[in-house]
C-alpha atoms as a PDB file:
ATOM      1  CA  UNK A   1     135.427 154.930 -47.498  1.00  0.00           C
ATOM      2  CA  UNK A   2     131.664 155.755 -48.364  1.00  0.00           C
ATOM      3  CA  UNK A   3     130.503 154.389 -45.014  1.00  0.00           C
ATOM      4  CA  UNK A   4     132.975 156.759 -43.174  1.00  0.00           C
ATOM      5  CA  UNK A   5     131.757 160.081 -45.251  1.00  0.00           C
ATOM      6  CA  UNK A   6     128.031 159.011 -44.440  1.00  0.00           C
ATOM      7  CA  UNK A   7     128.926 158.527 -40.755  1.00  0.00           C
ATOM      8  CA  UNK A   8     130.502 162.039 -40.492  1.00  0.00           C
ATOM      9  CA  UNK A   9     127.544 163.587 -42.155  1.00  0.00           C
ATOM     10  CA  UNK A  10     125.186 162.068 -39.740  1.00  0.00           C
ATOM     11  CA  UNK A  11     127.225 163.164 -36.626  1.00  0.00           C
ATOM     12  CA  UNK A  12     126.908 166.796 -37.926  1.00  0.00           C
ATOM     13  CA  UNK A  13     123.082 166.584 -38.032  1.00  0.00           C
ATOM     14  CA  UNK A  14     121.148 168.375 -35.258  1.00  0.00           C
ATOM     15  CA  UNK A  15     117.505 167.702 -34.292  1.00  0.00           C
ATOM     16  CA  UNK A  16     114.928 170.026 -35.699  1.00  0.00           C
ATOM     17  CA  UNK A  17     113.994 173.090 -33.544  1.00  0.00           C
ATOM     18  CA  UNK A  18     110.502 173.454 -31.952  1.00  0.00           C
ATOM     19  CA  UNK A  19     108.177 176.372 -32.500  1.00  0.00           C
ATOM     20  CA  UNK A  20     105.211 177.703 -30.693  1.00  0.00           C
ATOM     21  CA  UNK A  21     101.947 177.838 -32.796  1.00  0.00           C
ATOM     22  CA  UNK A  22      98.805 179.884 -32.129  1.00  0.00           C
ATOM     23  CA  UNK A  23      95.415 178.598 -33.024  1.00  0.00           C
ATOM     24  CA  UNK A  24      93.503 181.025 -35.368  1.00  0.00           C
ATOM     25  CA  UNK A  25      90.295 179.585 -33.952  1.00  0.00           C
ATOM     26  CA  UNK A  26      90.699 180.274 -30.135  1.00  0.00           C
ATOM     27  CA  UNK A  27      94.150 181.675 -29.683  1.00  0.00           C
ATOM     28  CA  UNK A  28      95.288 178.395 -28.010  1.00  0.00           C
ATOM     29  CA  UNK A  29      99.005 177.532 -28.050  1.00  0.00           C
ATOM     30  CA  UNK A  30     100.846 174.390 -29.356  1.00  0.00           C
ATOM     31  CA  UNK A  31     104.459 173.395 -29.506  1.00  0.00           C
ATOM     32  CA  UNK A  32     105.623 171.502 -32.604  1.00  0.00           C
ATOM     33  CA  UNK A  33     108.290 171.151 -35.007  1.00  0.00           C
ATOM     34  CA  UNK A  34     106.013 171.848 -38.060  1.00  0.00           C
ATOM     35  CA  UNK A  35     102.632 173.545 -38.413  1.00  0.00           C
ATOM     36  CA  UNK A  36      99.872 171.648 -37.090  1.00  0.00           C
ATOM     37  CA  UNK A  37      97.696 172.837 -39.960  1.00  0.00           C
ATOM     38  CA  UNK A  38      96.041 175.789 -41.802  1.00  0.00           C
ATOM     39  CA  UNK A  39      94.320 177.043 -38.600  1.00  0.00           C
ATOM     40  CA  UNK A  40      97.598 177.750 -36.966  1.00  0.00           C
ATOM     41  CA  UNK A  41     100.218 180.681 -37.161  1.00  0.00           C
ATOM     42  CA  UNK A  42     103.712 180.863 -35.939  1.00  0.00           C
ATOM     43  CA  UNK A  43     103.902 182.506 -32.455  1.00  0.00           C
ATOM     44  CA  UNK A  44     107.359 181.867 -31.361  1.00  0.00           C
ATOM     45  CA  UNK A  45     110.706 180.101 -31.682  1.00  0.00           C
ATOM     46  CA  UNK A  46     112.903 178.390 -32.382  1.00  0.00           C
ATOM     47  CA  UNK A  47     113.264 176.388 -29.050  1.00  0.00           C
ATOM     48  CA  UNK A  48     115.256 173.336 -28.027  1.00  0.00           C
ATOM     49  CA  UNK A  49     112.622 171.462 -26.301  1.00  0.00           C
ATOM     50  CA  UNK A  50     109.180 170.055 -26.996  1.00  0.00           C
ATOM     51  CA  UNK A  51     107.650 172.322 -24.122  1.00  0.00           C
ATOM     52  CA  UNK A  52     108.993 175.412 -26.007  1.00  0.00           C
ATOM     53  CA  UNK A  53     110.610 176.521 -22.860  1.00  0.00           C
ATOM     54  CA  UNK A  54     114.385 176.693 -23.885  1.00  0.00           C
ATOM     55  CA  UNK A  55     115.132 179.248 -26.595  1.00  0.00           C
ATOM     56  CA  UNK A  56     117.513 177.841 -29.332  1.00  0.00           C
ATOM     57  CA  UNK A  57     120.410 180.225 -29.802  1.00  0.00           C
ATOM     58  CA  UNK A  58     120.923 180.349 -33.418  1.00  0.00           C
ATOM     59  CA  UNK A  59     124.662 181.084 -34.500  1.00  0.00           C
ATOM     60  CA  UNK A  60     124.923 182.546 -38.048  1.00  0.00           C
ATOM     61  CA  UNK A  61     128.369 182.248 -39.570  1.00  0.00           C
END
């Protein structure tokens, strides 16, 4: 029974979204799921892909 419950939870999980990050040093852009560090600021997102080209439609309930 426990294995069945854990399996159902795993199926409901979705991959983490990707975000575009802008360098505070030179304005360059990077695409990552988490901030690359202190020298970066959020510039866009969320996205579905690692190239930050396909916007992720967020459905709020």
